[in-house]
């Protein structure tokens, strides 16, 4: 099984930055996608950003130009650089791992943008 450990959430002022990390461990496939999601309308989780094993990325419209997802230096770890944060970014951010056979969710890390 795959386990996910999230870190980097916290309290930041509008215009500030945070960097989230998600480390995967366990039976990790050679091809997979990892990303970050947050609750959207009707509490449905919406895509923030994702990255696959080839390096291809996708971003939610609301974060384009402000957030950057990448592979971290450590293997099986992704990083989400969150810049120019706004109050609307406040949410619990969930890391997701998907290899086609299983989808695994982290427990979530709180991001609060407030003055």
Protein backbone atom coordinates (compact mmCIF):
# COMPACT_ATOMS: atom_id res chain seq x y z
CA UNK A 1 0.00 0.00 0.00
CA UNK A 2 0.95 3.63 -0.44
CA UNK A 3 1.11 6.10 2.40
CA UNK A 4 1.17 9.87 2.04
CA UNK A 5 2.64 12.35 4.47
CA UNK A 6 1.75 15.99 3.97
CA UNK A 7 3.53 18.98 5.41
CA UNK A 8 3.90 22.71 4.97
CA UNK A 9 0.48 24.03 5.81
CA UNK A 10 0.01 26.93 8.14
CA UNK A 11 -1.10 30.50 8.58
CA UNK A 12 0.08 33.16 6.17
CA UNK A 13 -0.89 36.73 5.37
CA UNK A 14 -2.44 37.67 2.02
CA UNK A 15 0.28 38.04 -0.55
CA UNK A 16 2.51 35.63 1.29
CA UNK A 17 3.79 32.22 0.32
CA UNK A 18 3.70 28.67 1.54
CA UNK A 19 5.30 25.51 0.27
CA UNK A 20 3.46 22.22 0.66
CA UNK A 21 5.14 18.86 0.40
CA UNK A 22 3.71 15.40 0.00
CA UNK A 23 5.90 12.36 0.42
CA UNK A 24 4.73 8.97 -0.81
CA UNK A 25 6.04 5.71 0.52
CA UNK A 26 5.23 2.04 0.21
CA UNK A 27 4.39 0.14 -2.96
CA UNK A 28 4.84 3.02 -5.37
CA UNK A 29 4.31 2.30 -9.05
CA UNK A 30 6.73 3.31 -11.77
CA UNK A 31 4.05 5.45 -13.40
CA UNK A 32 1.75 7.57 -11.31
CA UNK A 33 0.20 10.97 -10.83
CA UNK A 34 0.31 13.01 -7.67
CA UNK A 35 -1.43 16.24 -6.97
CA UNK A 36 -3.12 18.58 -4.57
CA UNK A 37 -6.85 19.12 -4.21
CA UNK A 38 -9.03 21.31 -2.04
CA UNK A 39 -12.77 21.54 -1.36
CA UNK A 40 -14.67 23.50 -3.98
CA UNK A 41 -18.35 24.05 -4.60
CA UNK A 42 -20.58 21.81 -2.51
CA UNK A 43 -17.43 20.60 -0.77
CA UNK A 44 -16.40 18.63 -3.86
CA UNK A 45 -12.66 18.38 -4.12
CA UNK A 46 -11.26 20.44 -6.96
CA UNK A 47 -7.89 20.21 -8.62
CA UNK A 48 -5.25 22.62 -7.43
CA UNK A 49 -2.31 21.13 -9.29
CA UNK A 50 -1.02 17.75 -10.36
CA UNK A 51 2.09 16.30 -11.90
CA UNK A 52 2.72 12.94 -13.52
CA UNK A 53 5.83 10.82 -13.83
CA UNK A 54 6.77 12.46 -17.14
CA UNK A 55 6.70 15.89 -15.54
CA UNK A 56 3.47 17.02 -17.18
CA UNK A 57 1.50 19.40 -14.99
CA UNK A 58 -2.05 20.67 -14.74
CA UNK A 59 -3.43 23.53 -12.68
CA UNK A 60 -6.80 24.66 -11.55
CA UNK A 61 -7.86 27.93 -13.15
CA UNK A 62 -7.95 29.78 -9.86
CA UNK A 63 -4.29 29.13 -9.09
CA UNK A 64 -2.68 29.45 -12.51
CA UNK A 65 0.21 31.86 -12.41
CA UNK A 66 0.39 31.75 -8.63
CA UNK A 67 1.10 28.11 -7.73
CA UNK A 68 3.79 25.84 -9.09
CA UNK A 69 3.91 22.09 -8.64
CA UNK A 70 7.13 20.18 -9.03
CA UNK A 71 9.03 17.16 -7.97
CA UNK A 72 10.90 17.84 -4.78
CA UNK A 73 14.52 16.88 -4.31
CA UNK A 74 13.54 13.78 -2.37
CA UNK A 75 12.23 10.88 -4.42
CA UNK A 76 8.50 10.19 -4.42
CA UNK A 77 7.85 13.67 -3.12
CA UNK A 78 6.02 16.56 -4.74
CA UNK A 79 6.11 20.19 -3.77
CA UNK A 80 3.53 22.90 -4.26
CA UNK A 81 4.91 26.41 -4.17
CA UNK A 82 2.05 28.74 -3.34
CA UNK A 83 2.76 32.40 -4.03
CA UNK A 84 0.63 35.52 -3.84
CA UNK A 85 -1.84 33.76 -1.60
CA UNK A 86 -5.31 35.21 -1.24
CA UNK A 87 -7.98 34.68 1.36
CA UNK A 88 -9.92 32.46 -1.04
CA UNK A 89 -7.06 29.97 -0.97
CA UNK A 90 -7.91 29.13 2.62
CA UNK A 91 -8.79 25.45 2.70
CA UNK A 92 -7.69 22.02 3.72
CA UNK A 93 -5.36 20.80 0.99
CA UNK A 94 -5.32 17.09 0.24
CA UNK A 95 -2.52 15.23 -1.48
CA UNK A 96 -3.55 12.51 -3.91
CA UNK A 97 -1.64 9.60 -5.38
CA UNK A 98 -3.05 7.70 -8.35
CA UNK A 99 -1.36 4.93 -10.31
CA UNK A 100 -4.36 3.59 -12.22
CA UNK A 101 -4.98 0.79 -9.75
CA UNK A 102 -5.38 2.73 -6.57
CA UNK A 103 -6.13 6.23 -5.45
CA UNK A 104 -4.76 7.28 -2.11
CA UNK A 105 -5.56 10.47 -0.25
CA UNK A 106 -3.62 12.18 2.44
CA UNK A 107 -5.40 13.35 5.56
CA UNK A 108 -5.11 16.98 4.55
CA UNK A 109 -3.14 19.97 5.71
CA UNK A 110 -4.70 23.28 6.66
CA UNK A 111 -3.78 26.43 4.77
CA UNK A 112 -5.14 29.64 6.24
CA UNK A 113 -4.65 32.99 4.54
CA UNK A 114 -5.58 35.78 6.88
CA UNK A 115 -4.31 39.14 8.03
